[in-house]
Amino acid sequence: MSEAPKVFRKSFTHQEPISETAITRATEVLRSGKLHRYNVDPGETSEVSMLEAEFAAYMGMRYCLACASCGSAMYLALKSAGVQPGDAILCNTFTLAPVPGMIENAGGRIILVEIGPDYTIDLHDLEEKAKHYRPKWLLLSHMRGHTADMDKVVSICREHGVSLIEDCAHTMGARWDGQKSGSFGLVSCFSTQTYKHMNSGEGGLLVTNDEQLIARAILYSGSYMLYDKHSSRPDLEVFAPYTETIPNYSCRMDNLRASILRQQLIDLDAQCCRWNERYRVIESRLKEIPCIDCPIRDPREAYVGSSIQFNLVGLDEVRIRKFLFETEKRGVHIKWFGRAEPNGFTSSYRNWRYLNEKETLPQTDRILSTLCDMRIPLTFSIKDCEHISTIIVTCLKTLSGEGLFDERHALDSSSVRTESTEIVPSTAQVDAATSPESDS
């Protein structure tokens, strides 16, 4: 029998350090004391305004607004697009809780749409629900970097008069058929939270070509009467109808975070290539295992592999828990969307009990029941990715072989419970061992 792989010792939440160039600029901002985006001298442009102009140029879009978080950007997008209380808003079911949370916050009526085996929105269900509910809006989450067939999504939206709002928290730098993710709809939102493709701790970016929408969003974000200090904005007269009718929600980004992000934007495409190198190493190994199903990615999808998802085929809940227990014990942190109860950030629509519509989504339930999710930070080397893959493969081969453990991997009897003749970790132990960090 081959020797078991060594325990993996690196953290799945440890990010690369902020570059010295960004640190230098951030230090200059700190020394100036001008952290508020509107605290500028005559003729001076704030770090936030420069970031907005640079990100809009990167996206090939007319306007950008920097926000306190991607969640706040989504909220501003919904409000600025004209969402009214009770408006039906379609949303793909595989997403993170802040997405339906922002619909709820904006007063919308959440209509969940099934997902397909590739983890993207099910186009047939999208069209059926567009016909049935006659919604004005689709908030499409490119969850975990998986991009739907955007040609068909846009076509369905146009046919049924649905405005597309994109949640691109996981697709910054990605493309569909050569077009950048976030440039297909009325407005799009990006994240700069620590575990995303640019890291400012928290932060969000809203982009649009619609001058009315960006004017409303700037006012909602908390510009007071200082919107003239924005460089990524329409003419000042566009703001005139809204200045006394739109409330201030204080969702602004500050100059310190913007100064950290500007250098990262320069490096973004190179970083995306590095993520994909690591992703492909892991993906190629996992595809060798019969009980793992990695989705086939459309050749038109230029994704960013900052995480990887796969389904465990033919494994029941007991064996999935064994697998998670074993990988965690060997230092490989994998999240599971099939848990009955929410754990850390990982939850399914069944846990969102505030939802207006109580629908049955059997296809989504089937996919999520065996869906695993693993982050791939750039602090991992190619060799690290090979090591992680070997651990996953070893644990699954053991599961599908004679038993979960042999004498070298035996656990202390105090840490397991026995069912029949197999050693099975308890639910509480697996939850404790695999409790994920925040990822909203």
Protein backbone atom coordinates (compact mmCIF):
# COMPACT_ATOMS: atom_id res chain seq x y z
CA MET A 1 0.00 0.00 0.00
CA SER A 2 1.34 3.45 -0.92
CA GLU A 3 2.25 5.84 1.85
CA ALA A 4 -0.53 8.18 2.96
CA PRO A 5 0.01 11.85 2.01
CA LYS A 6 1.27 14.16 4.72
CA VAL A 7 -1.15 16.52 6.44
CA PHE A 8 -1.54 19.81 4.58
CA ARG A 9 -0.46 22.65 6.87
CA LYS A 10 -1.34 25.87 5.04
CA SER A 11 -4.42 27.97 5.80
CA PHE A 12 -7.28 28.17 3.32
CA THR A 13 -8.03 31.72 4.54
CA HIS A 14 -4.53 33.21 4.39
CA GLN A 15 -4.36 35.78 1.61
CA GLU A 16 -1.32 37.17 -0.13
CA PRO A 17 0.06 40.35 1.45
CA ILE A 18 -0.90 43.73 0.09
CA SER A 19 1.85 44.92 -2.28
CA GLU A 20 4.48 47.37 -1.09
CA THR A 21 3.28 49.87 -3.70
CA ALA A 22 -0.25 49.76 -2.27
CA ILE A 23 1.04 49.91 1.31
CA THR A 24 3.10 52.98 0.45
CA ARG A 25 0.09 54.73 -1.04
CA ALA A 26 -2.13 53.70 1.87
CA THR A 27 0.44 55.10 4.28
CA GLU A 28 0.38 58.41 2.40
CA VAL A 29 -3.40 58.49 2.73
CA LEU A 30 -3.16 57.77 6.45
CA ARG A 31 -0.59 60.51 6.94
CA SER A 32 -2.81 62.97 5.10
CA GLY A 33 -5.74 62.22 7.39
CA LYS A 34 -8.04 62.45 4.36
CA LEU A 35 -9.79 59.11 4.62
CA HIS A 36 -13.28 60.34 3.72
CA ARG A 37 -13.86 60.30 -0.02
CA TYR A 38 -15.12 63.89 -0.10
CA ASN A 39 -12.32 65.32 2.02
CA VAL A 40 -10.33 66.82 -0.87
CA ASP A 41 -8.76 70.18 -1.59
CA PRO A 42 -9.81 72.28 -4.61
CA GLY A 43 -8.51 70.65 -7.78
CA GLU A 44 -7.67 67.40 -5.94
CA THR A 45 -9.15 64.02 -6.93
CA SER A 46 -9.80 61.48 -4.19
CA GLU A 47 -8.46 57.94 -4.23
CA VAL A 48 -12.04 56.66 -4.44
CA SER A 49 -12.82 58.80 -7.49
CA MET A 50 -9.65 57.60 -9.20
CA LEU A 51 -10.50 53.98 -8.44
CA GLU A 52 -14.01 54.47 -9.86
CA ALA A 53 -12.67 55.94 -13.08
CA GLU A 54 -10.04 53.21 -13.41
CA PHE A 55 -12.47 50.35 -12.76
CA ALA A 56 -15.01 51.78 -15.19
CA ALA A 57 -12.25 51.92 -17.82
CA TYR A 58 -11.19 48.36 -17.02
CA MET A 59 -14.77 47.19 -17.48
CA GLY A 60 -15.35 49.27 -20.61
CA MET A 61 -18.34 50.86 -18.85
CA ARG A 62 -19.25 54.54 -18.51
CA TYR A 63 -19.74 54.76 -14.74
CA CYS A 64 -18.59 53.17 -11.48
CA LEU A 65 -19.50 53.78 -7.85
CA ALA A 66 -17.33 52.46 -5.00
CA CYS A 67 -19.36 51.16 -2.06
CA ALA A 68 -18.86 49.85 1.45
CA SER A 69 -19.51 46.25 0.36
CA CYS A 70 -20.85 44.22 -2.54
CA GLY A 71 -24.05 43.78 -0.54
CA SER A 72 -24.48 47.54 -0.28
CA ALA A 73 -23.70 47.84 -4.02
CA MET A 74 -26.48 45.33 -4.77
CA TYR A 75 -28.88 47.19 -2.52
CA LEU A 76 -28.07 50.48 -4.23
CA ALA A 77 -28.38 48.80 -7.64
CA LEU A 78 -31.85 47.50 -6.81
CA LYS A 79 -33.06 50.81 -5.37
CA SER A 80 -31.52 52.86 -8.17
CA ALA A 81 -32.97 50.56 -10.83
CA GLY A 82 -36.43 51.37 -9.46
CA VAL A 83 -37.37 48.31 -7.41
CA GLN A 84 -40.55 48.99 -5.46
CA PRO A 85 -41.92 47.08 -2.44
CA GLY A 86 -43.55 43.87 -3.60
CA ASP A 87 -41.83 43.77 -7.01
CA ALA A 88 -41.07 40.21 -8.11
CA ILE A 89 -37.32 39.65 -8.52
CA LEU A 90 -35.94 36.44 -9.97
CA CYS A 91 -32.78 35.03 -8.44
CA ASN A 92 -30.87 31.79 -9.05
CA THR A 93 -31.08 29.52 -6.04
CA PHE A 94 -27.38 28.64 -5.72
CA THR A 95 -25.96 31.81 -4.20
CA LEU A 96 -24.83 33.24 -0.88
CA ALA A 97 -27.27 34.66 1.66
CA PRO A 98 -26.47 38.37 1.04
CA VAL A 99 -28.04 38.14 -2.45
CA PRO A 100 -31.61 37.31 -1.36
CA GLY A 101 -30.87 39.44 1.71
CA MET A 102 -30.44 42.53 -0.46
CA ILE A 103 -33.67 41.76 -2.34
CA GLU A 104 -35.45 41.52 1.01
CA ASN A 105 -33.79 44.75 2.16
CA ALA A 106 -35.02 46.54 -0.98
CA GLY A 107 -38.56 45.28 -0.36
CA GLY A 108 -38.60 42.93 -3.33
CA ARG A 109 -40.44 39.63 -3.60
CA ILE A 110 -37.86 36.87 -4.04
CA ILE A 111 -38.63 34.30 -6.75
CA LEU A 112 -36.02 31.54 -6.77
CA VAL A 113 -35.02 29.85 -10.02
CA GLU A 114 -33.64 26.32 -10.30
CA ILE A 115 -30.00 25.64 -11.15
CA GLY A 116 -28.58 23.09 -13.56
CA PRO A 117 -25.77 20.53 -13.24
CA ASP A 118 -23.20 23.21 -14.13
CA TYR A 119 -24.38 25.22 -11.05
CA THR A 120 -25.74 28.07 -13.17
CA ILE A 121 -29.32 29.27 -13.55
CA ASP A 122 -31.61 26.78 -15.30
CA LEU A 123 -32.66 28.54 -18.49
CA HIS A 124 -35.92 26.62 -18.92
CA ASP A 125 -37.04 27.43 -15.37
CA LEU A 126 -35.92 31.04 -15.86
CA GLU A 127 -38.13 31.40 -18.92
CA GLU A 128 -41.10 29.67 -17.28
CA LYS A 129 -40.93 31.91 -14.22
CA ALA A 130 -40.46 34.99 -16.36
CA LYS A 131 -43.72 34.06 -18.11
CA HIS A 132 -45.57 33.19 -14.91
CA TYR A 133 -44.51 35.98 -12.53
CA ARG A 134 -43.91 38.72 -15.12
CA PRO A 135 -41.03 40.15 -13.06
CA LYS A 136 -39.22 43.37 -13.87
CA TRP A 137 -35.89 42.18 -12.56
CA LEU A 138 -33.43 39.29 -12.55
CA LEU A 139 -30.63 39.47 -9.98
CA LEU A 140 -28.26 36.92 -11.50
CA SER A 141 -25.54 35.65 -9.19
CA HIS A 142 -22.49 34.20 -10.95
CA MET A 143 -22.04 32.00 -7.92
CA ARG A 144 -18.54 30.71 -7.29
CA GLY A 145 -17.45 31.97 -10.70
CA HIS A 146 -19.78 29.80 -12.81
CA THR A 147 -21.20 31.82 -15.71
CA ALA A 148 -24.47 30.86 -17.39
CA ASP A 149 -24.96 31.07 -21.14
CA MET A 150 -25.20 34.85 -21.15
CA ASP A 151 -26.41 35.00 -24.75
CA LYS A 152 -29.49 33.02 -23.77
CA VAL A 153 -29.95 34.82 -20.44
CA VAL A 154 -29.93 38.20 -22.17
CA SER A 155 -32.29 36.89 -24.86
CA ILE A 156 -34.81 35.61 -22.30
CA CYS A 157 -34.65 38.88 -20.38
CA ARG A 158 -35.25 40.93 -23.51
CA GLU A 159 -38.12 38.75 -24.66
CA HIS A 160 -39.94 39.08 -21.34
CA GLY A 161 -39.05 42.67 -20.47
CA VAL A 162 -36.82 41.72 -17.54
CA SER A 163 -33.95 44.02 -16.52
CA LEU A 164 -30.74 42.13 -15.72
CA ILE A 165 -28.71 42.98 -12.60
CA GLU A 166 -25.48 40.99 -12.29
CA ASP A 167 -23.87 39.90 -9.03
CA CYS A 168 -20.22 39.48 -10.07
CA ALA A 169 -18.72 38.97 -6.62
CA HIS A 170 -16.96 35.82 -7.91
CA THR A 171 -16.37 36.77 -11.55
CA MET A 172 -14.25 39.91 -11.45
CA GLY A 173 -11.87 39.47 -14.40
CA ALA A 174 -13.95 36.72 -16.03
CA ARG A 175 -15.50 36.82 -19.49
CA TRP A 176 -18.25 35.20 -21.51
CA ASP A 177 -17.42 34.81 -25.20
CA GLY A 178 -14.88 37.61 -24.90
CA GLN A 179 -17.19 40.03 -23.09
CA LYS A 180 -16.41 40.90 -19.48
CA SER A 181 -18.65 39.56 -16.76
CA GLY A 182 -20.65 42.48 -15.44
CA SER A 183 -21.17 44.18 -18.79
CA PHE A 184 -24.32 42.32 -19.89
CA GLY A 185 -27.02 43.93 -17.79
CA LEU A 186 -28.43 47.24 -16.67
CA VAL A 187 -26.10 47.35 -13.66
CA SER A 188 -23.54 45.02 -12.07
CA CYS A 189 -21.93 44.64 -8.66
CA PHE A 190 -18.48 43.40 -7.65
CA SER A 191 -16.89 42.53 -4.31
CA THR A 192 -13.53 43.52 -2.85
CA GLN A 193 -14.06 41.54 0.34
CA THR A 194 -10.95 39.73 1.60
CA TYR A 195 -11.66 36.41 -0.16
CA LYS A 196 -12.48 37.92 -3.56
CA HIS A 197 -10.27 38.82 -6.52
CA MET A 198 -9.24 42.17 -5.07
CA ASN A 199 -8.86 42.55 -1.32
CA SER A 200 -9.75 45.62 0.74
CA GLY A 201 -11.23 43.71 3.67
CA GLU A 202 -14.72 44.88 2.74
CA GLY A 203 -15.85 46.81 -0.30
CA GLY A 204 -17.93 46.79 -3.45
CA LEU A 205 -18.05 48.34 -6.92
CA LEU A 206 -21.18 49.14 -8.93
CA VAL A 207 -20.91 49.67 -12.70
CA THR A 208 -23.46 50.79 -15.28
CA ASN A 209 -23.87 52.68 -18.55
CA ASP A 210 -27.15 54.24 -17.40
CA GLU A 211 -26.70 57.89 -16.40
CA GLN A 212 -30.01 58.09 -14.52
CA LEU A 213 -29.22 54.97 -12.52
CA ILE A 214 -25.70 56.09 -11.55
CA ALA A 215 -26.97 59.53 -10.51
CA ARG A 216 -29.53 57.91 -8.20
CA ALA A 217 -26.94 55.44 -6.88
CA ILE A 218 -24.44 58.20 -6.07
CA LEU A 219 -27.12 60.08 -4.14
CA TYR A 220 -28.33 56.94 -2.34
CA SER A 221 -24.72 56.08 -1.42
CA GLY A 222 -24.44 59.22 0.66
CA SER A 223 -22.92 61.97 -1.46
CA TYR A 224 -24.81 64.78 0.30
CA MET A 225 -24.54 67.71 -2.16
CA LEU A 226 -20.96 66.74 -3.06
CA TYR A 227 -21.73 64.57 -6.09
CA ASP A 228 -19.85 67.07 -8.26
CA LYS A 229 -16.64 65.67 -6.76
CA HIS A 230 -17.21 62.36 -8.55
CA SER A 231 -15.23 61.91 -11.76
CA SER A 232 -17.18 58.82 -12.88
CA ARG A 233 -20.57 60.52 -13.23
CA PRO A 234 -22.93 62.09 -15.77
CA ASP A 235 -23.45 65.84 -16.17
CA LEU A 236 -24.62 67.61 -13.03
CA GLU A 237 -28.06 68.41 -14.45
CA VAL A 238 -28.86 64.68 -14.44
CA PHE A 239 -28.84 64.80 -10.63
CA ALA A 240 -31.26 67.74 -10.37
CA PRO A 241 -34.58 65.79 -10.28
CA TYR A 242 -33.36 63.54 -7.46
CA THR A 243 -31.40 65.71 -5.02
CA GLU A 244 -34.29 66.26 -2.61
CA THR A 245 -36.19 63.02 -3.14
CA ILE A 246 -33.53 60.35 -2.63
CA PRO A 247 -32.49 59.43 0.95
CA ASN A 248 -28.88 59.08 2.08
CA TYR A 249 -28.02 55.44 2.93
CA SER A 250 -24.31 56.05 3.72
CA CYS A 251 -22.83 53.17 1.70
CA ARG A 252 -19.60 54.89 0.64
CA MET A 253 -16.11 53.48 0.25
CA ASP A 254 -13.25 55.39 1.90
CA ASN A 255 -9.93 56.55 0.47
CA LEU A 256 -7.87 54.05 2.46
CA ARG A 257 -9.55 51.05 0.89
CA ALA A 258 -9.47 52.64 -2.55
CA SER A 259 -5.72 53.25 -2.26
CA ILE A 260 -5.20 49.54 -1.50
CA LEU A 261 -7.33 48.49 -4.48
CA ARG A 262 -5.90 50.67 -7.23
CA GLN A 263 -2.62 48.72 -7.49
CA GLN A 264 -4.51 45.42 -7.29
CA LEU A 265 -6.59 46.47 -10.29
CA ILE A 266 -3.40 46.88 -12.32
CA ASP A 267 -2.39 43.33 -11.38
CA LEU A 268 -5.86 41.77 -11.65
CA ASP A 269 -5.60 39.94 -14.98
CA ALA A 270 -2.22 38.45 -14.06
CA GLN A 271 -3.68 37.27 -10.76
CA CYS A 272 -6.60 35.66 -12.57
CA CYS A 273 -4.13 33.65 -14.67
CA ARG A 274 -2.40 32.45 -11.49
CA TRP A 275 -5.73 31.28 -10.03
CA ASN A 276 -6.49 29.33 -13.17
CA GLU A 277 -3.11 27.57 -13.11
CA ARG A 278 -3.93 26.28 -9.63
CA TYR A 279 -7.53 25.46 -10.45
CA ARG A 280 -6.58 23.32 -13.44
CA VAL A 281 -4.10 21.28 -11.42
CA ILE A 282 -6.79 20.37 -8.89
CA GLU A 283 -9.52 19.92 -11.48
CA SER A 284 -7.45 17.53 -13.60
CA ARG A 285 -6.81 15.27 -10.61
CA LEU A 286 -10.39 15.30 -9.39
CA LYS A 287 -11.73 14.39 -12.81
CA GLU A 288 -9.79 11.11 -12.58
CA ILE A 289 -12.02 9.92 -9.72
CA PRO A 290 -15.27 8.17 -10.72
CA CYS A 291 -17.24 9.41 -7.72
CA ILE A 292 -16.39 13.08 -8.39
CA ASP A 293 -18.32 15.10 -10.93
CA CYS A 294 -16.75 18.42 -11.95
CA PRO A 295 -18.98 20.39 -14.30
CA ILE A 296 -17.90 20.69 -17.93
CA ARG A 297 -17.19 24.37 -18.52
CA ASP A 298 -18.41 25.95 -21.72
CA PRO A 299 -15.49 26.93 -24.01
CA ARG A 300 -16.99 30.42 -24.21
CA GLU A 301 -16.52 30.85 -20.46
CA ALA A 302 -13.21 32.46 -19.49
CA TYR A 303 -13.55 31.81 -15.77
CA VAL A 304 -11.41 32.72 -12.77
CA GLY A 305 -10.73 29.58 -10.70
CA SER A 306 -10.39 31.11 -7.24
CA SER A 307 -12.41 28.18 -5.87
CA ILE A 308 -13.52 24.78 -7.10
CA GLN A 309 -16.83 22.95 -6.79
CA PHE A 310 -17.69 19.31 -7.39
CA ASN A 311 -20.39 16.76 -6.62
CA LEU A 312 -19.78 13.49 -4.80
CA VAL A 313 -21.58 10.96 -6.98
CA GLY A 314 -23.12 7.91 -5.35
CA LEU A 315 -22.19 8.88 -1.76
CA ASP A 316 -24.89 9.10 0.86
CA GLU A 317 -24.84 11.57 3.75
CA VAL A 318 -22.93 9.22 6.05
CA ARG A 319 -20.11 8.75 3.57
CA ILE A 320 -20.03 12.43 2.66
CA ARG A 321 -19.56 13.22 6.33
CA LYS A 322 -16.79 10.63 6.53
CA PHE A 323 -15.08 12.21 3.55
CA LEU A 324 -15.31 15.71 5.05
CA PHE A 325 -14.05 14.44 8.39
CA GLU A 326 -11.06 12.73 6.78
CA THR A 327 -10.07 15.62 4.52
CA GLU A 328 -10.38 18.08 7.38
CA LYS A 329 -8.22 15.85 9.57
CA ARG A 330 -5.56 16.02 6.86
CA GLY A 331 -5.75 19.81 6.65
CA VAL A 332 -7.99 20.18 3.57
CA HIS A 333 -10.94 22.45 4.27
CA ILE A 334 -13.99 21.61 2.11
CA LYS A 335 -17.45 23.11 2.54
CA TRP A 336 -20.64 21.17 1.85
CA PHE A 337 -23.89 22.77 0.67
CA GLY A 338 -25.93 19.70 1.51
CA ARG A 339 -26.05 20.32 5.25
CA ALA A 340 -29.50 20.41 6.77
CA GLU A 341 -28.53 23.41 8.88
CA PRO A 342 -26.48 26.47 7.91
CA ASN A 343 -22.82 26.33 8.85
CA GLY A 344 -20.72 29.48 8.67
CA PHE A 345 -21.52 31.09 5.33
CA THR A 346 -22.68 27.82 3.77
CA SER A 347 -26.45 27.64 3.57
CA SER A 348 -29.18 26.77 1.10
CA TYR A 349 -32.48 28.40 0.29
CA ARG A 350 -34.22 26.09 2.76
CA ASN A 351 -32.51 28.00 5.56
CA TRP A 352 -33.80 31.39 4.38
CA ARG A 353 -37.11 31.28 6.19
CA TYR A 354 -37.92 34.92 5.48
CA LEU A 355 -38.59 34.08 1.83
CA ASN A 356 -42.03 35.14 0.57
CA GLU A 357 -42.47 32.26 -1.85
CA LYS A 358 -42.16 28.72 -0.49
CA GLU A 359 -41.29 26.75 -3.59
CA THR A 360 -40.14 23.21 -4.14
CA LEU A 361 -36.92 23.10 -6.14
CA PRO A 362 -36.16 19.39 -6.59
CA GLN A 363 -33.42 19.80 -9.18
CA THR A 364 -31.55 22.31 -7.01
CA ASP A 365 -32.03 20.11 -3.94
CA ARG A 366 -30.52 17.15 -5.75
CA ILE A 367 -27.49 19.13 -6.92
CA LEU A 368 -26.83 20.86 -3.61
CA SER A 369 -27.18 17.63 -1.61
CA THR A 370 -23.73 16.43 -2.74
CA LEU A 371 -22.10 19.74 -3.69
CA CYS A 372 -18.67 20.45 -2.24
CA ASP A 373 -16.84 23.76 -2.37
CA MET A 374 -13.17 24.55 -1.76
CA ARG A 375 -11.31 27.84 -1.87
CA ILE A 376 -8.00 28.09 -3.79
CA PRO A 377 -6.01 31.02 -2.37
CA LEU A 378 -2.99 32.34 -4.25
CA THR A 379 -0.86 31.60 -1.19
CA PHE A 380 -0.98 27.97 -2.42
CA SER A 381 1.76 26.91 -4.81
CA ILE A 382 1.25 24.50 -7.70
CA LYS A 383 2.90 21.85 -5.53
CA ASP A 384 0.41 22.66 -2.73
CA CYS A 385 -2.45 22.11 -5.17
CA GLU A 386 -1.03 18.73 -6.13
CA HIS A 387 -0.74 17.85 -2.42
CA ILE A 388 -4.36 18.86 -1.74
CA SER A 389 -5.56 16.86 -4.73
CA THR A 390 -3.69 13.79 -3.52
CA ILE A 391 -5.35 14.05 -0.10
CA ILE A 392 -8.83 14.32 -1.65
CA VAL A 393 -8.18 11.40 -3.99
CA THR A 394 -6.74 9.27 -1.19
CA CYS A 395 -9.73 9.90 1.09
CA LEU A 396 -12.21 9.03 -1.65
CA LYS A 397 -10.33 5.92 -2.72
CA THR A 398 -10.37 4.74 0.87
CA LEU A 399 -14.09 5.41 1.10
CA SER A 400 -14.84 3.43 -2.03
CA GLY A 401 -12.50 0.62 -1.03
CA GLU A 402 -12.47 -1.70 1.94
CA GLY A 403 -13.36 0.91 4.54
CA LEU A 404 -12.79 4.44 5.70
CA PHE A 405 -9.76 3.85 7.89
CA ASP A 406 -6.86 1.44 8.11
CA GLU A 407 -4.59 0.98 11.10
CA ARG A 408 -2.49 4.03 10.25
CA HIS A 409 -5.49 6.37 10.21
CA ALA A 410 -7.43 4.98 13.16
CA LEU A 411 -9.04 7.59 15.40
CA ASP A 412 -9.19 7.58 19.13
CA SER A 413 -12.44 5.92 20.17
CA SER A 414 -13.41 8.95 22.25
CA SER A 415 -13.71 11.10 19.12
CA VAL A 416 -16.05 8.88 17.12
CA ARG A 417 -19.28 7.01 17.43
CA THR A 418 -19.80 3.52 16.05
CA GLU A 419 -22.59 2.55 13.69
CA SER A 420 -22.53 -1.13 12.77
CA THR A 421 -18.85 -1.92 12.24
CA GLU A 422 -17.87 1.42 10.67
CA ILE A 423 -16.29 4.40 12.37
CA VAL A 424 -18.44 7.43 11.65
CA PRO A 425 -17.78 10.97 12.88
CA SER A 426 -20.72 12.63 14.57
CA THR A 427 -22.58 15.54 13.02
CA ALA A 428 -21.34 17.88 15.74
CA GLN A 429 -17.73 16.78 15.22
CA VAL A 430 -17.86 17.24 11.45
CA ASP A 431 -19.53 20.63 11.84
CA ALA A 432 -16.88 21.71 14.33
CA ALA A 433 -14.08 20.37 12.18
CA THR A 434 -15.34 21.98 8.98
CA SER A 435 -16.86 25.21 10.31
CA PRO A 436 -15.98 27.74 7.59
CA GLU A 437 -14.96 31.34 7.98
CA SER A 438 -17.17 34.21 6.88
CA ASP A 439 -17.46 34.65 3.13
CA SER A 440 -20.27 37.14 2.61
